[in-house]
Amino acid sequence: MAVLKVIEVLSNSEKSWEDATKKAVKEASKTVKNIKSVYVQDQSAVVKDDDVVEFRVNLKLTFEVK
């Protein structure tokens, strides 16, 4: 039986929500091992001068505890 843990992670990107998600997983993987899945809970964006300048994600990251 595997034991899994879920943590909440926030990330941002100037490119896209997808890029913000990838950045979150890449950064988290530096200290969290055995990442199994990611669930994007919320998405938002920052608008400046009628243009989207930043994409933000709030996600739940699941990893196996050994």
C-alpha atoms as a PDB file:
ATOM      1  CA  MET A   1       0.000   0.000   0.000  1.00  0.00           C
ATOM      2  CA  ALA A   2       1.323   3.446  -0.924  1.00  0.00           C
ATOM      3  CA  VAL A   3       1.067   6.468   1.328  1.00  0.00           C
ATOM      4  CA  LEU A   4       0.429   9.709  -0.558  1.00  0.00           C
ATOM      5  CA  LYS A   5       0.661  13.286   0.648  1.00  0.00           C
ATOM      6  CA  VAL A   6      -0.912  16.394  -0.896  1.00  0.00           C
ATOM      7  CA  ILE A   7       0.550  19.889  -0.661  1.00  0.00           C
ATOM      8  CA  GLU A   8      -0.725  23.174  -2.052  1.00  0.00           C
ATOM      9  CA  VAL A   9       1.573  25.136  -4.363  1.00  0.00           C
ATOM     10  CA  LEU A  10       1.230  28.575  -5.949  1.00  0.00           C
ATOM     11  CA  SER A  11       3.031  29.524  -9.150  1.00  0.00           C
ATOM     12  CA  ASN A  12       3.030  32.201 -11.836  1.00  0.00           C
ATOM     13  CA  SER A  13       4.196  32.726 -15.408  1.00  0.00           C
ATOM     14  CA  GLU A  14       4.245  35.485 -17.972  1.00  0.00           C
ATOM     15  CA  LYS A  15       3.467  32.919 -20.725  1.00  0.00           C
ATOM     16  CA  SER A  16       0.479  30.750 -19.721  1.00  0.00           C
ATOM     17  CA  TRP A  17      -1.296  28.753 -17.023  1.00  0.00           C
ATOM     18  CA  GLU A  18       0.304  25.625 -18.476  1.00  0.00           C
ATOM     19  CA  ASP A  19       3.756  27.157 -18.103  1.00  0.00           C
ATOM     20  CA  ALA A  20       2.968  28.197 -14.513  1.00  0.00           C
ATOM     21  CA  THR A  21       1.947  24.600 -13.752  1.00  0.00           C
ATOM     22  CA  LYS A  22       5.132  23.187 -15.278  1.00  0.00           C
ATOM     23  CA  LYS A  23       7.230  25.695 -13.336  1.00  0.00           C
ATOM     24  CA  ALA A  24       5.522  24.683 -10.084  1.00  0.00           C
ATOM     25  CA  VAL A  25       6.223  20.985 -10.645  1.00  0.00           C
ATOM     26  CA  LYS A  26       9.816  21.631 -11.691  1.00  0.00           C
ATOM     27  CA  GLU A  27      10.517  23.822  -8.649  1.00  0.00           C
ATOM     28  CA  ALA A  28       8.739  21.500  -6.205  1.00  0.00           C
ATOM     29  CA  SER A  29      10.652  18.488  -7.560  1.00  0.00           C
ATOM     30  CA  LYS A  30      13.884  20.027  -6.250  1.00  0.00           C
ATOM     31  CA  THR A  31      12.825  19.144  -2.698  1.00  0.00           C
ATOM     32  CA  VAL A  32       9.789  16.855  -3.094  1.00  0.00           C
ATOM     33  CA  LYS A  33      10.451  13.410  -4.558  1.00  0.00           C
ATOM     34  CA  ASN A  34       8.065  10.867  -6.095  1.00  0.00           C
ATOM     35  CA  ILE A  35       5.552  13.397  -7.463  1.00  0.00           C
ATOM     36  CA  LYS A  36       2.616  11.440  -8.875  1.00  0.00           C
ATOM     37  CA  SER A  37       0.075  14.041 -10.025  1.00  0.00           C
ATOM     38  CA  VAL A  38      -0.961  17.664 -10.006  1.00  0.00           C
ATOM     39  CA  TYR A  39      -4.478  19.090  -9.785  1.00  0.00           C
ATOM     40  CA  VAL A  40      -5.009  22.719 -10.813  1.00  0.00           C
ATOM     41  CA  GLN A  41      -7.436  24.071  -8.259  1.00  0.00           C
ATOM     42  CA  ASP A  42      -7.630  27.730  -9.364  1.00  0.00           C
ATOM     43  CA  GLN A  43      -6.413  29.890 -12.189  1.00  0.00           C
ATOM     44  CA  SER A  44      -6.201  33.665 -12.293  1.00  0.00           C
ATOM     45  CA  ALA A  45      -4.485  36.366 -14.288  1.00  0.00           C
ATOM     46  CA  VAL A  46      -3.141  39.851 -13.708  1.00  0.00           C
ATOM     47  CA  VAL A  47      -4.236  42.502 -16.203  1.00  0.00           C
ATOM     48  CA  LYS A  48      -2.310  45.718 -16.814  1.00  0.00           C
ATOM     49  CA  ASP A  49      -3.191  48.300 -19.459  1.00  0.00           C
ATOM     50  CA  ASP A  50      -5.845  46.002 -20.973  1.00  0.00           C
ATOM     51  CA  ASP A  51      -3.370  43.151 -21.411  1.00  0.00           C
ATOM     52  CA  VAL A  52      -2.757  39.948 -19.444  1.00  0.00           C
ATOM     53  CA  VAL A  53       0.723  40.248 -17.947  1.00  0.00           C
ATOM     54  CA  GLU A  54       0.811  37.301 -15.556  1.00  0.00           C
ATOM     55  CA  PHE A  55      -0.884  33.910 -15.257  1.00  0.00           C
ATOM     56  CA  ARG A  56      -1.289  32.371 -11.794  1.00  0.00           C
ATOM     57  CA  VAL A  57      -2.180  28.851 -10.669  1.00  0.00           C
ATOM     58  CA  ASN A  58      -3.054  27.395  -7.307  1.00  0.00           C
ATOM     59  CA  LEU A  59      -2.515  23.653  -7.482  1.00  0.00           C
ATOM     60  CA  LYS A  60      -2.446  20.534  -5.368  1.00  0.00           C
ATOM     61  CA  LEU A  61       0.588  18.340  -5.811  1.00  0.00           C
ATOM     62  CA  THR A  62       0.429  14.664  -4.818  1.00  0.00           C
ATOM     63  CA  PHE A  63       3.545  12.659  -4.009  1.00  0.00           C
ATOM     64  CA  GLU A  64       4.344   9.275  -2.529  1.00  0.00           C
ATOM     65  CA  VAL A  65       5.860   9.141   0.943  1.00  0.00           C
ATOM     66  CA  LYS A  66       8.508   6.427   1.229  1.00  0.00           C
END
